[in-house]
C-alpha atoms as a PDB file:
ATOM      1  CA  MET A   1       0.000   0.000   0.000  1.00  0.00           C
ATOM      2  CA  LEU A   2       1.287   3.456  -0.928  1.00  0.00           C
ATOM      3  CA  ASN A   3       1.656   6.162   1.692  1.00  0.00           C
ATOM      4  CA  ILE A   4       0.831   9.222  -0.416  1.00  0.00           C
ATOM      5  CA  LEU A   5       1.845  12.492   1.231  1.00  0.00           C
ATOM      6  CA  PHE A   6       0.894  14.843  -1.606  1.00  0.00           C
ATOM      7  CA  GLU A   7      -0.636  14.588  -5.050  1.00  0.00           C
ATOM      8  CA  ASP A   8      -1.703  17.075  -7.694  1.00  0.00           C
ATOM      9  CA  ASN A   9      -1.820  17.125 -11.507  1.00  0.00           C
ATOM     10  CA  HIS A  10       1.970  17.377 -11.752  1.00  0.00           C
ATOM     11  CA  LEU A  11       3.541  15.607  -8.766  1.00  0.00           C
ATOM     12  CA  ILE A  12       3.053  12.760  -6.359  1.00  0.00           C
ATOM     13  CA  ALA A  13       5.082  12.503  -3.159  1.00  0.00           C
ATOM     14  CA  ILE A  14       5.360   9.089  -1.526  1.00  0.00           C
ATOM     15  CA  ASN A  15       6.700   8.141   1.893  1.00  0.00           C
ATOM     16  CA  LYS A  16       9.120   5.333   0.950  1.00  0.00           C
ATOM     17  CA  PRO A  17       9.666   2.774   3.677  1.00  0.00           C
ATOM     18  CA  SER A  18      13.031   1.174   4.224  1.00  0.00           C
ATOM     19  CA  GLY A  19      13.441  -1.896   2.049  1.00  0.00           C
ATOM     20  CA  ASP A  20      11.423  -0.643  -0.932  1.00  0.00           C
ATOM     21  CA  LEU A  21      13.176  -0.334  -4.264  1.00  0.00           C
ATOM     22  CA  VAL A  22      12.645   2.923  -6.195  1.00  0.00           C
ATOM     23  CA  GLN A  23      13.747   1.697  -9.650  1.00  0.00           C
ATOM     24  CA  GLY A  24      13.926  -1.817 -11.028  1.00  0.00           C
ATOM     25  CA  ASP A  25      17.123  -3.825 -10.644  1.00  0.00           C
ATOM     26  CA  LYS A  26      18.394  -7.344 -11.240  1.00  0.00           C
ATOM     27  CA  THR A  27      16.487  -8.728  -8.215  1.00  0.00           C
ATOM     28  CA  GLY A  28      13.218  -8.567 -10.121  1.00  0.00           C
ATOM     29  CA  ASP A  29      11.419  -7.078  -7.106  1.00  0.00           C
ATOM     30  CA  VAL A  30       8.550  -4.744  -7.964  1.00  0.00           C
ATOM     31  CA  PRO A  31       9.876  -1.181  -7.686  1.00  0.00           C
ATOM     32  CA  LEU A  32       7.985   1.671  -6.072  1.00  0.00           C
ATOM     33  CA  ALA A  33       7.784   3.424  -9.464  1.00  0.00           C
ATOM     34  CA  ASP A  34       5.747   0.514 -10.875  1.00  0.00           C
ATOM     35  CA  LYS A  35       3.430   0.564  -7.854  1.00  0.00           C
ATOM     36  CA  VAL A  36       2.833   4.296  -8.321  1.00  0.00           C
ATOM     37  CA  LYS A  37       2.157   3.827 -12.044  1.00  0.00           C
ATOM     38  CA  ALA A  38      -0.415   1.133 -11.240  1.00  0.00           C
ATOM     39  CA  TYR A  39      -2.049   3.410  -8.667  1.00  0.00           C
ATOM     40  CA  ILE A  40      -2.308   6.305 -11.173  1.00  0.00           C
ATOM     41  CA  LYS A  41      -3.587   4.019 -13.930  1.00  0.00           C
ATOM     42  CA  LYS A  42      -6.352   2.648 -11.694  1.00  0.00           C
ATOM     43  CA  LYS A  43      -7.332   5.886  -9.928  1.00  0.00           C
ATOM     44  CA  TYR A  44      -7.622   7.927 -13.115  1.00  0.00           C
ATOM     45  CA  ASN A  45      -8.745   5.059 -15.373  1.00  0.00           C
ATOM     46  CA  LYS A  46      -5.867   5.735 -17.791  1.00  0.00           C
ATOM     47  CA  PRO A  47      -5.589   3.577 -20.892  1.00  0.00           C
ATOM     48  CA  GLY A  48      -2.150   2.506 -22.103  1.00  0.00           C
ATOM     49  CA  ASN A  49       1.130   3.392 -20.444  1.00  0.00           C
ATOM     50  CA  VAL A  50       1.355   5.872 -17.587  1.00  0.00           C
ATOM     51  CA  PHE A  51       4.204   8.407 -17.578  1.00  0.00           C
ATOM     52  CA  LEU A  52       6.063   8.653 -14.281  1.00  0.00           C
ATOM     53  CA  GLY A  53       9.248  10.670 -13.927  1.00  0.00           C
ATOM     54  CA  ILE A  54      11.760   9.734 -11.254  1.00  0.00           C
ATOM     55  CA  THR A  55      13.335  12.950  -9.996  1.00  0.00           C
ATOM     56  CA  HIS A  56      15.643  11.374  -7.418  1.00  0.00           C
ATOM     57  CA  ARG A  57      16.248   8.068  -5.686  1.00  0.00           C
ATOM     58  CA  LEU A  58      16.809   6.752  -2.206  1.00  0.00           C
ATOM     59  CA  ASP A  59      18.821   3.622  -1.551  1.00  0.00           C
ATOM     60  CA  ARG A  60      16.804   0.539  -0.735  1.00  0.00           C
ATOM     61  CA  PRO A  61      17.636   0.506   3.009  1.00  0.00           C
ATOM     62  CA  THR A  62      16.765   4.213   3.319  1.00  0.00           C
ATOM     63  CA  SER A  63      13.330   5.579   4.145  1.00  0.00           C
ATOM     64  CA  GLY A  64      12.132   9.030   3.132  1.00  0.00           C
ATOM     65  CA  VAL A  65      10.067  11.064   0.717  1.00  0.00           C
ATOM     66  CA  ILE A  66      10.272  10.336  -3.012  1.00  0.00           C
ATOM     67  CA  ILE A  67       8.858  12.863  -5.470  1.00  0.00           C
ATOM     68  CA  PHE A  68       7.649  11.493  -8.788  1.00  0.00           C
ATOM     69  CA  THR A  69       6.369  13.631 -11.647  1.00  0.00           C
ATOM     70  CA  LYS A  70       3.269  12.836 -13.656  1.00  0.00           C
ATOM     71  CA  THR A  71       4.280  14.763 -16.792  1.00  0.00           C
ATOM     72  CA  SER A  72       7.472  15.174 -18.792  1.00  0.00           C
ATOM     73  CA  LYS A  73       7.157  18.948 -18.441  1.00  0.00           C
ATOM     74  CA  SER A  74       7.086  18.787 -14.636  1.00  0.00           C
ATOM     75  CA  LEU A  75      10.034  16.344 -14.703  1.00  0.00           C
ATOM     76  CA  LYS A  76      12.091  18.783 -16.758  1.00  0.00           C
ATOM     77  CA  ARG A  77      11.214  21.723 -14.504  1.00  0.00           C
ATOM     78  CA  LEU A  78      11.916  19.868 -11.272  1.00  0.00           C
ATOM     79  CA  ASN A  79      15.234  18.571 -12.603  1.00  0.00           C
ATOM     80  CA  GLU A  80      16.181  22.156 -13.505  1.00  0.00           C
ATOM     81  CA  MET A  81      15.284  23.297  -9.979  1.00  0.00           C
ATOM     82  CA  PHE A  82      17.437  20.555  -8.439  1.00  0.00           C
ATOM     83  CA  LYS A  83      20.321  21.416 -10.763  1.00  0.00           C
ATOM     84  CA  LYS A  84      20.159  25.135  -9.890  1.00  0.00           C
ATOM     85  CA  SER A  85      19.978  24.408  -6.153  1.00  0.00           C
ATOM     86  CA  ILE A  86      22.934  22.036  -6.241  1.00  0.00           C
ATOM     87  CA  GLY A  87      24.894  24.480  -8.404  1.00  0.00           C
ATOM     88  CA  ARG A  88      24.361  27.319  -5.926  1.00  0.00           C
ATOM     89  CA  LEU A  89      25.466  25.198  -3.007  1.00  0.00           C
ATOM     90  CA  SER A  90      28.489  23.660  -4.681  1.00  0.00           C
ATOM     91  CA  THR A  91      29.856  26.923  -6.107  1.00  0.00           C
ATOM     92  CA  LYS A  92      29.952  28.841  -2.823  1.00  0.00           C
ATOM     93  CA  PRO A  93      32.739  27.630  -0.526  1.00  0.00           C
ATOM     94  CA  SER A  94      31.216  29.673   2.322  1.00  0.00           C
ATOM     95  CA  ASN A  95      28.128  27.452   2.178  1.00  0.00           C
ATOM     96  CA  LEU A  96      30.262  24.343   2.655  1.00  0.00           C
ATOM     97  CA  LYS A  97      31.772  25.797   5.835  1.00  0.00           C
ATOM     98  CA  LYS A  98      28.301  26.530   7.200  1.00  0.00           C
ATOM     99  CA  GLY A  99      27.106  23.000   6.434  1.00  0.00           C
ATOM    100  CA  LEU A 100      24.607  24.138   3.784  1.00  0.00           C
END
């Protein structure tokens, strides 16, 4: 069962428990992304394939919030936001000293 923290037309935020896989791997275990796709397909009665963008990952033993995007446009925009945020932090040595 999914623990959905937030959902709108563009994003869905899931509380990922420790032990869940975000993306498929060689184990063949069902990844969280596939579970979310199935949820969206059923809830909104979508025919065909469901788009789901993975904006970031958490290691399998780690719990936390995973943000998926429901459209390619929101995936692109969120990736740009992450890139800008990381760029600002990594280019300012003073931020590293402050632990930011």
